[in-house]
Amino acid sequence: MTRRRVTMSDVARRAGVSTTTASFVLAGRQDMRISAEAEERVRLAAGELGYRPNLTARGLRTSVTRTVALISDTIATTQFAGEVIHGALDAAGAADHVLFIAETEGDPGIEIQLVEGMLDRQVDGFVYATMYSRKVRIPEALRDSRVVLLNCYEDEARAPCVLPDEFNAGRDAAAVVLAAGHTAGIHVIGGRHMTAETPDGVWAGLERMRGVEEAMARAGVRLDGVAECDWQPEDGHREVRRLLAAGTVPRALICLNDRVALGAYQALQEAELRVPDDVCVVSFDDSDLATWLRPRLTSVALPHYGLGRTAVEVLLDGAADPAVHRIAMPVRLRASHAAVVPSGEAAHKAV
């Protein structure tokens, strides 16, 4: 049997005051002359009855529902969903808000329905998110709402956006290679992701490569090659095999994601080359692959939790400034990179 919800009238009746007086006391308002004794009776009655405020009704009166919505294309059904949503939920909970989560699967029709449904529920704002960092256009239905873009951006920059700091991630990946003593034989596998489907590259690839090239240029080091390809294991395998077939044995590989690194590992193993003794390998994303590979892969991590948390925090701050918030990507140092061993010394062994 469903328990009847305790109402404000119930509290007022138990306390022996008017409903208006009970409402003012529980709302914390000070603009009515209410005796301390009556206020105490109201609070005691509310506690005894287990009264909880009707937030929906309050929202209708104040136009503040303490709810926010996260609408994404495919984030919620991917392996990265947990940390992004975890961060968003933590930020919403810390601010005493409820987070609604919805996914469009990239369908514009579903997106319109979901946005309109959230607007009907009078959410206080929206986090509009994408699985892959890319340019978007905010749906027309959201033009008059508070919106924060998560893992995406608009050319017009009419809303704040939260993005991983891919540029500095590229610099950091290059710094790992340079700190290991490599100044020649450095190849990039994956590049800007310039393929038939994405001839201009993808945002993450462009930013990562910009960072890699700047760090190398500052150190006076030239990349020996950049292989532009898709970012799947078979692409990493194919491109490293091409290098080896041409008689080139790289000293260091910067792979644009962990899937590419997996393919590179396989090609190196087939050629009986050891990581990191013969070839240093550094990657991006810090997916599960990074810890499954042997030796374990040094990778620059995507800050999934920080992205989700920061997006909701920026939304609830209410700032209208369309600033770009870049979230740092930490380097996870493991065994796939190693310092160059001077000739005549024993080969460096991975830990």
Protein backbone atom coordinates (compact mmCIF):
# COMPACT_ATOMS: atom_id res chain seq x y z
CA MET A 1 0.00 0.00 0.00
CA THR A 2 1.41 3.40 -1.03
CA ARG A 3 2.01 5.77 1.85
CA ARG A 4 0.24 9.13 1.51
CA ARG A 5 2.61 12.07 1.15
CA VAL A 6 2.71 14.37 4.18
CA THR A 7 1.54 17.84 3.17
CA MET A 8 2.14 21.32 4.51
CA SER A 9 -1.44 21.31 5.83
CA ASP A 10 -0.65 18.20 7.88
CA VAL A 11 2.34 19.96 9.47
CA ALA A 12 0.29 23.10 10.17
CA ARG A 13 -2.52 21.07 11.75
CA ARG A 14 -0.08 19.16 14.00
CA ALA A 15 1.67 22.41 15.03
CA GLY A 16 -1.58 24.31 15.59
CA VAL A 17 -0.70 27.13 13.16
CA SER A 18 -1.90 28.31 9.77
CA THR A 19 -0.60 26.71 6.58
CA THR A 20 0.96 30.06 5.64
CA THR A 21 2.86 30.20 8.92
CA ALA A 22 4.14 26.62 8.49
CA SER A 23 5.20 27.40 4.93
CA PHE A 24 7.12 30.53 5.98
CA VAL A 25 8.91 28.68 8.79
CA LEU A 26 10.00 25.73 6.63
CA ALA A 27 11.08 28.05 3.82
CA GLY A 28 13.31 29.93 6.29
CA ARG A 29 11.65 33.27 5.59
CA GLN A 30 11.99 36.07 8.12
CA ASP A 31 9.49 38.61 6.77
CA MET A 32 6.61 37.52 9.06
CA ARG A 33 6.32 37.97 12.79
CA ILE A 34 6.34 34.37 13.99
CA SER A 35 7.07 33.58 17.62
CA ALA A 36 9.99 31.39 18.46
CA GLU A 37 7.59 29.00 20.19
CA ALA A 38 5.40 28.62 17.07
CA GLU A 39 8.47 28.17 14.88
CA GLU A 40 9.70 25.41 17.17
CA ARG A 41 6.30 23.65 17.03
CA VAL A 42 6.34 23.73 13.21
CA ARG A 43 9.83 22.27 12.95
CA LEU A 44 9.01 19.60 15.53
CA ALA A 45 5.81 18.65 13.70
CA ALA A 46 7.64 18.45 10.37
CA GLY A 47 10.22 16.11 11.88
CA GLU A 48 7.63 13.90 13.58
CA LEU A 49 5.56 13.53 10.41
CA GLY A 50 8.57 13.05 8.11
CA TYR A 51 7.58 16.01 5.96
CA ARG A 52 9.47 16.54 2.71
CA PRO A 53 8.92 19.62 0.55
CA ASN A 54 7.20 19.19 -2.82
CA LEU A 55 9.98 20.40 -5.10
CA THR A 56 7.80 20.20 -8.21
CA ALA A 57 5.23 22.53 -6.70
CA ARG A 58 7.99 24.84 -5.45
CA GLY A 59 9.48 24.87 -8.94
CA LEU A 60 6.18 25.95 -10.45
CA ARG A 61 6.08 28.89 -8.04
CA THR A 62 9.71 29.95 -8.30
CA SER A 63 10.75 28.69 -11.79
CA VAL A 64 13.67 26.93 -10.07
CA THR A 65 13.39 23.14 -9.98
CA ARG A 66 16.94 22.27 -8.85
CA THR A 67 17.18 19.84 -11.74
CA VAL A 68 19.60 19.82 -14.70
CA ALA A 69 19.79 17.66 -17.80
CA LEU A 70 22.74 16.00 -19.53
CA ILE A 71 21.86 15.26 -23.15
CA SER A 72 24.43 13.37 -25.23
CA ASP A 73 24.74 11.52 -28.49
CA THR A 74 26.21 8.20 -27.32
CA ILE A 75 28.11 8.89 -24.08
CA ALA A 76 25.69 6.99 -21.86
CA THR A 77 26.19 3.64 -23.64
CA THR A 78 29.98 3.72 -23.98
CA GLN A 79 32.78 2.47 -21.77
CA PHE A 80 33.58 6.08 -20.83
CA ALA A 81 30.07 6.83 -19.52
CA GLY A 82 30.74 5.82 -15.94
CA GLU A 83 33.33 8.45 -15.11
CA VAL A 84 31.74 11.30 -17.11
CA ILE A 85 28.34 10.67 -15.52
CA HIS A 86 29.94 10.05 -12.11
CA GLY A 87 31.57 13.48 -12.23
CA ALA A 88 28.35 15.14 -13.38
CA LEU A 89 26.30 13.40 -10.66
CA ASP A 90 28.79 14.39 -7.96
CA ALA A 91 28.67 18.04 -8.98
CA ALA A 92 24.87 18.05 -9.16
CA GLY A 93 24.56 16.31 -5.80
CA ALA A 94 26.99 18.69 -4.13
CA ALA A 95 24.74 21.55 -5.22
CA ASP A 96 21.55 19.73 -4.11
CA HIS A 97 20.40 19.23 -7.71
CA VAL A 98 19.01 16.18 -9.50
CA LEU A 99 20.60 15.22 -12.83
CA PHE A 100 18.50 13.82 -15.68
CA ILE A 101 20.47 11.86 -18.29
CA ALA A 102 19.24 11.29 -21.85
CA GLU A 103 20.83 10.01 -25.07
CA THR A 104 19.93 10.82 -28.67
CA GLU A 105 22.07 8.22 -30.49
CA GLY A 106 22.83 11.05 -32.90
CA ASP A 107 19.22 11.20 -34.16
CA PRO A 108 18.05 14.84 -34.62
CA GLY A 109 14.41 13.83 -34.19
CA ILE A 110 15.08 12.09 -30.88
CA GLU A 111 17.17 15.06 -29.79
CA ILE A 112 14.25 17.45 -30.33
CA GLN A 113 11.89 15.18 -28.38
CA LEU A 114 14.32 14.87 -25.48
CA VAL A 115 15.07 18.58 -25.32
CA GLU A 116 11.37 19.46 -25.41
CA GLY A 117 10.66 16.85 -22.74
CA MET A 118 13.29 18.35 -20.45
CA LEU A 119 11.98 21.86 -21.09
CA ASP A 120 8.48 20.66 -20.17
CA ARG A 121 9.96 19.45 -16.88
CA GLN A 122 11.42 22.92 -16.35
CA VAL A 123 15.02 21.83 -15.80
CA ASP A 124 17.24 24.71 -14.73
CA GLY A 125 19.85 24.10 -17.41
CA PHE A 126 21.44 21.71 -19.89
CA VAL A 127 24.79 20.04 -20.40
CA TYR A 128 24.99 19.24 -24.12
CA ALA A 129 27.61 16.53 -24.62
CA THR A 130 29.25 14.51 -27.39
CA MET A 131 31.25 11.29 -27.27
CA TYR A 132 34.04 12.64 -29.50
CA SER A 133 35.41 16.17 -29.32
CA ARG A 134 33.94 18.02 -32.28
CA LYS A 135 32.19 21.15 -33.49
CA VAL A 136 28.43 21.26 -32.93
CA ARG A 137 25.51 23.61 -33.30
CA ILE A 138 23.36 24.07 -30.22
CA PRO A 139 19.76 22.97 -30.98
CA GLU A 140 17.41 25.88 -31.61
CA ALA A 141 15.16 24.72 -28.79
CA LEU A 142 18.02 25.42 -26.34
CA ARG A 143 18.84 28.93 -27.54
CA ASP A 144 17.01 30.56 -24.62
CA SER A 145 18.21 28.07 -21.99
CA ARG A 146 21.33 27.91 -19.85
CA VAL A 147 23.64 25.52 -21.70
CA VAL A 148 27.19 24.25 -21.22
CA LEU A 149 28.86 22.28 -24.00
CA LEU A 150 30.73 19.17 -22.87
CA ASN A 151 33.47 17.72 -25.08
CA CYS A 152 32.31 19.88 -27.99
CA TYR A 153 32.34 23.52 -29.10
CA GLU A 154 30.57 26.06 -31.33
CA ASP A 155 32.32 28.38 -33.75
CA GLU A 156 30.11 31.24 -32.55
CA ALA A 157 31.08 30.54 -28.91
CA ARG A 158 27.70 31.51 -27.47
CA ALA A 159 27.93 29.12 -24.51
CA PRO A 160 30.68 27.97 -22.14
CA CYS A 161 32.37 24.74 -23.19
CA VAL A 162 34.41 22.13 -21.34
CA LEU A 163 37.10 20.30 -23.30
CA PRO A 164 40.07 18.02 -22.58
CA ASP A 165 43.35 19.91 -22.86
CA GLU A 166 44.55 17.96 -25.89
CA PHE A 167 47.18 20.53 -26.87
CA ASN A 168 49.08 20.21 -23.61
CA ALA A 169 48.51 16.46 -23.72
CA GLY A 170 50.46 16.42 -26.98
CA ARG A 171 53.24 18.45 -25.42
CA ASP A 172 53.37 16.09 -22.45
CA ALA A 173 53.53 12.98 -24.64
CA ALA A 174 56.45 14.49 -26.56
CA ALA A 175 58.11 15.48 -23.28
CA VAL A 176 58.05 11.84 -22.11
CA VAL A 177 59.86 10.75 -25.27
CA LEU A 178 62.38 13.58 -25.01
CA ALA A 179 62.99 12.97 -21.30
CA ALA A 180 63.85 9.35 -22.15
CA GLY A 181 66.68 10.73 -24.27
CA HIS A 182 65.24 10.15 -27.74
CA THR A 183 66.21 12.84 -30.25
CA ALA A 184 66.07 10.85 -33.49
CA GLY A 185 64.01 8.07 -35.00
CA ILE A 186 60.75 9.46 -33.56
CA HIS A 187 57.61 8.61 -35.54
CA VAL A 188 53.97 9.50 -34.97
CA ILE A 189 51.35 6.87 -35.82
CA GLY A 190 47.82 8.15 -36.40
CA GLY A 191 48.62 11.80 -36.93
CA ARG A 192 45.68 14.18 -37.26
CA HIS A 193 43.32 11.34 -38.29
CA MET A 194 43.26 12.57 -41.88
CA THR A 195 41.27 9.86 -43.65
CA ALA A 196 38.81 9.69 -46.55
CA GLU A 197 35.97 10.25 -44.04
CA THR A 198 37.79 13.04 -42.16
CA PRO A 199 40.11 14.65 -44.74
CA ASP A 200 40.74 17.69 -42.52
CA GLY A 201 41.48 15.57 -39.47
CA VAL A 202 39.64 15.47 -36.14
CA TRP A 203 39.84 18.00 -33.34
CA ALA A 204 41.69 15.72 -30.91
CA GLY A 205 44.23 14.76 -33.57
CA LEU A 206 44.83 18.34 -34.63
CA GLU A 207 45.31 19.50 -31.04
CA ARG A 208 47.52 16.56 -30.02
CA MET A 209 49.74 16.98 -33.06
CA ARG A 210 50.00 20.72 -32.50
CA GLY A 211 51.27 20.03 -28.99
CA VAL A 212 53.69 17.30 -30.10
CA GLU A 213 55.16 19.47 -32.85
CA GLU A 214 55.55 22.51 -30.60
CA ALA A 215 57.37 20.50 -27.92
CA MET A 216 59.68 18.94 -30.49
CA ALA A 217 60.39 22.29 -32.12
CA ARG A 218 61.24 23.87 -28.75
CA ALA A 219 63.68 21.03 -28.12
CA GLY A 220 65.22 21.39 -31.60
CA VAL A 221 64.14 17.85 -32.52
CA ARG A 222 62.60 16.85 -35.84
CA LEU A 223 59.99 14.15 -36.19
CA ASP A 224 61.19 11.49 -38.61
CA GLY A 225 57.71 10.76 -39.84
CA VAL A 226 53.95 11.15 -39.31
CA ALA A 227 51.68 8.36 -40.55
CA GLU A 228 48.15 9.68 -41.15
CA CYS A 229 45.57 6.93 -40.66
CA ASP A 230 42.46 5.86 -38.81
CA TRP A 231 42.88 5.17 -35.09
CA GLN A 232 42.17 1.43 -34.97
CA PRO A 233 44.54 -1.47 -34.09
CA GLU A 234 44.77 -2.63 -37.70
CA ASP A 235 45.90 0.85 -38.75
CA GLY A 236 48.66 0.99 -36.16
CA HIS A 237 49.76 -2.52 -37.17
CA ARG A 238 49.80 -1.68 -40.88
CA GLU A 239 51.70 1.60 -40.53
CA VAL A 240 54.43 0.18 -38.28
CA ARG A 241 54.84 -2.82 -40.60
CA ARG A 242 55.29 -0.38 -43.50
CA LEU A 243 58.06 1.38 -41.63
CA LEU A 244 59.83 -1.87 -40.85
CA ALA A 245 59.39 -3.21 -44.39
CA ALA A 246 61.06 -0.05 -45.68
CA GLY A 247 64.07 -0.78 -43.48
CA THR A 248 63.24 1.85 -40.86
CA VAL A 249 63.43 0.78 -37.24
CA PRO A 250 61.97 3.61 -35.13
CA ARG A 251 63.47 4.48 -31.78
CA ALA A 252 60.23 5.94 -30.44
CA LEU A 253 56.58 5.82 -31.46
CA ILE A 254 53.97 8.36 -30.40
CA CYS A 255 50.64 6.65 -31.05
CA LEU A 256 47.57 8.85 -31.20
CA ASN A 257 45.49 6.49 -29.09
CA ASP A 258 45.78 3.18 -27.27
CA ARG A 259 44.12 1.18 -30.05
CA VAL A 260 46.79 2.36 -32.48
CA ALA A 261 49.42 1.43 -29.89
CA LEU A 262 47.98 -2.09 -29.66
CA GLY A 263 48.50 -2.57 -33.40
CA ALA A 264 51.99 -1.08 -33.14
CA TYR A 265 52.89 -3.53 -30.35
CA GLN A 266 51.81 -6.45 -32.52
CA ALA A 267 53.87 -5.29 -35.49
CA LEU A 268 56.95 -4.78 -33.31
CA GLN A 269 56.56 -8.20 -31.68
CA GLU A 270 56.26 -9.86 -35.09
CA ALA A 271 59.57 -8.22 -36.01
CA GLU A 272 61.09 -9.44 -32.71
CA LEU A 273 61.56 -5.88 -31.47
CA ARG A 274 61.11 -5.26 -27.76
CA VAL A 275 59.20 -2.49 -26.02
CA PRO A 276 60.81 -0.41 -24.52
CA ASP A 277 64.32 -1.86 -25.02
CA ASP A 278 64.28 -1.44 -28.79
CA VAL A 279 61.36 0.95 -29.29
CA CYS A 280 59.82 3.43 -26.85
CA VAL A 281 56.01 3.71 -27.16
CA VAL A 282 53.82 6.52 -25.77
CA SER A 283 50.10 6.87 -26.36
CA PHE A 284 46.89 8.73 -25.50
CA ASP A 285 43.53 8.01 -23.79
CA ASP A 286 44.66 5.65 -21.00
CA SER A 287 41.95 3.12 -21.83
CA ASP A 288 41.87 -0.39 -20.35
CA LEU A 289 44.23 -1.43 -23.15
CA ALA A 290 47.01 0.60 -21.55
CA THR A 291 47.12 -1.69 -18.53
CA TRP A 292 46.35 -4.91 -20.41
CA LEU A 293 49.28 -4.57 -22.80
CA ARG A 294 52.64 -6.05 -21.82
CA PRO A 295 54.73 -4.15 -21.08
CA ARG A 296 52.09 -1.79 -19.77
CA LEU A 297 51.60 1.29 -21.90
CA THR A 298 52.52 4.86 -20.96
CA SER A 299 49.47 6.89 -21.93
CA VAL A 300 48.06 10.40 -21.47
CA ALA A 301 44.65 9.99 -19.83
CA LEU A 302 41.37 11.51 -20.92
CA PRO A 303 39.93 13.27 -17.83
CA HIS A 304 36.42 11.80 -18.03
CA TYR A 305 35.42 12.46 -14.41
CA GLY A 306 36.78 16.02 -14.49
CA LEU A 307 34.94 16.78 -17.72
CA GLY A 308 31.58 15.71 -16.32
CA ARG A 309 32.04 17.40 -12.96
CA THR A 310 33.33 20.69 -14.39
CA ALA A 311 30.50 20.91 -16.95
CA VAL A 312 27.82 20.75 -14.25
CA GLU A 313 29.74 23.11 -11.94
CA VAL A 314 30.05 25.68 -14.74
CA LEU A 315 26.34 25.29 -15.53
CA LEU A 316 25.29 25.84 -11.92
CA ASP A 317 27.64 28.82 -11.54
CA GLY A 318 25.34 30.55 -13.99
CA ALA A 319 28.08 32.57 -15.72
CA ALA A 320 27.02 33.72 -19.19
CA ASP A 321 30.60 34.19 -20.37
CA PRO A 322 31.26 31.70 -23.23
CA ALA A 323 34.64 30.71 -21.82
CA VAL A 324 36.53 27.56 -22.80
CA HIS A 325 37.41 25.39 -19.79
CA ARG A 326 40.26 23.02 -20.60
CA ILE A 327 40.67 20.03 -18.29
CA ALA A 328 44.19 18.73 -17.74
CA MET A 329 45.08 15.28 -19.05
CA PRO A 330 47.45 13.47 -16.65
CA VAL A 331 50.31 11.30 -17.94
CA ARG A 332 50.21 7.70 -16.72
CA LEU A 333 53.84 6.61 -16.74
CA ARG A 334 54.29 2.88 -17.15
CA ALA A 335 56.87 0.53 -18.66
CA SER A 336 56.59 1.22 -22.40
CA HIS A 337 58.97 4.19 -22.36
CA ALA A 338 62.52 4.08 -21.08
CA ALA A 339 65.66 6.15 -21.01
CA VAL A 340 68.12 5.64 -23.84
CA VAL A 341 70.84 3.20 -22.79
CA PRO A 342 74.39 4.37 -23.63
CA SER A 343 76.24 1.96 -25.91
CA GLY A 344 78.10 -0.75 -24.03
CA GLU A 345 75.71 -0.74 -21.09
CA ALA A 346 73.13 -3.40 -20.35
CA ALA A 347 69.74 -2.90 -21.98
CA HIS A 348 67.23 -1.15 -19.82
CA LYS A 349 64.67 -3.56 -18.45
CA ALA A 350 61.01 -2.58 -18.06
CA VAL A 351 59.69 -2.48 -14.56
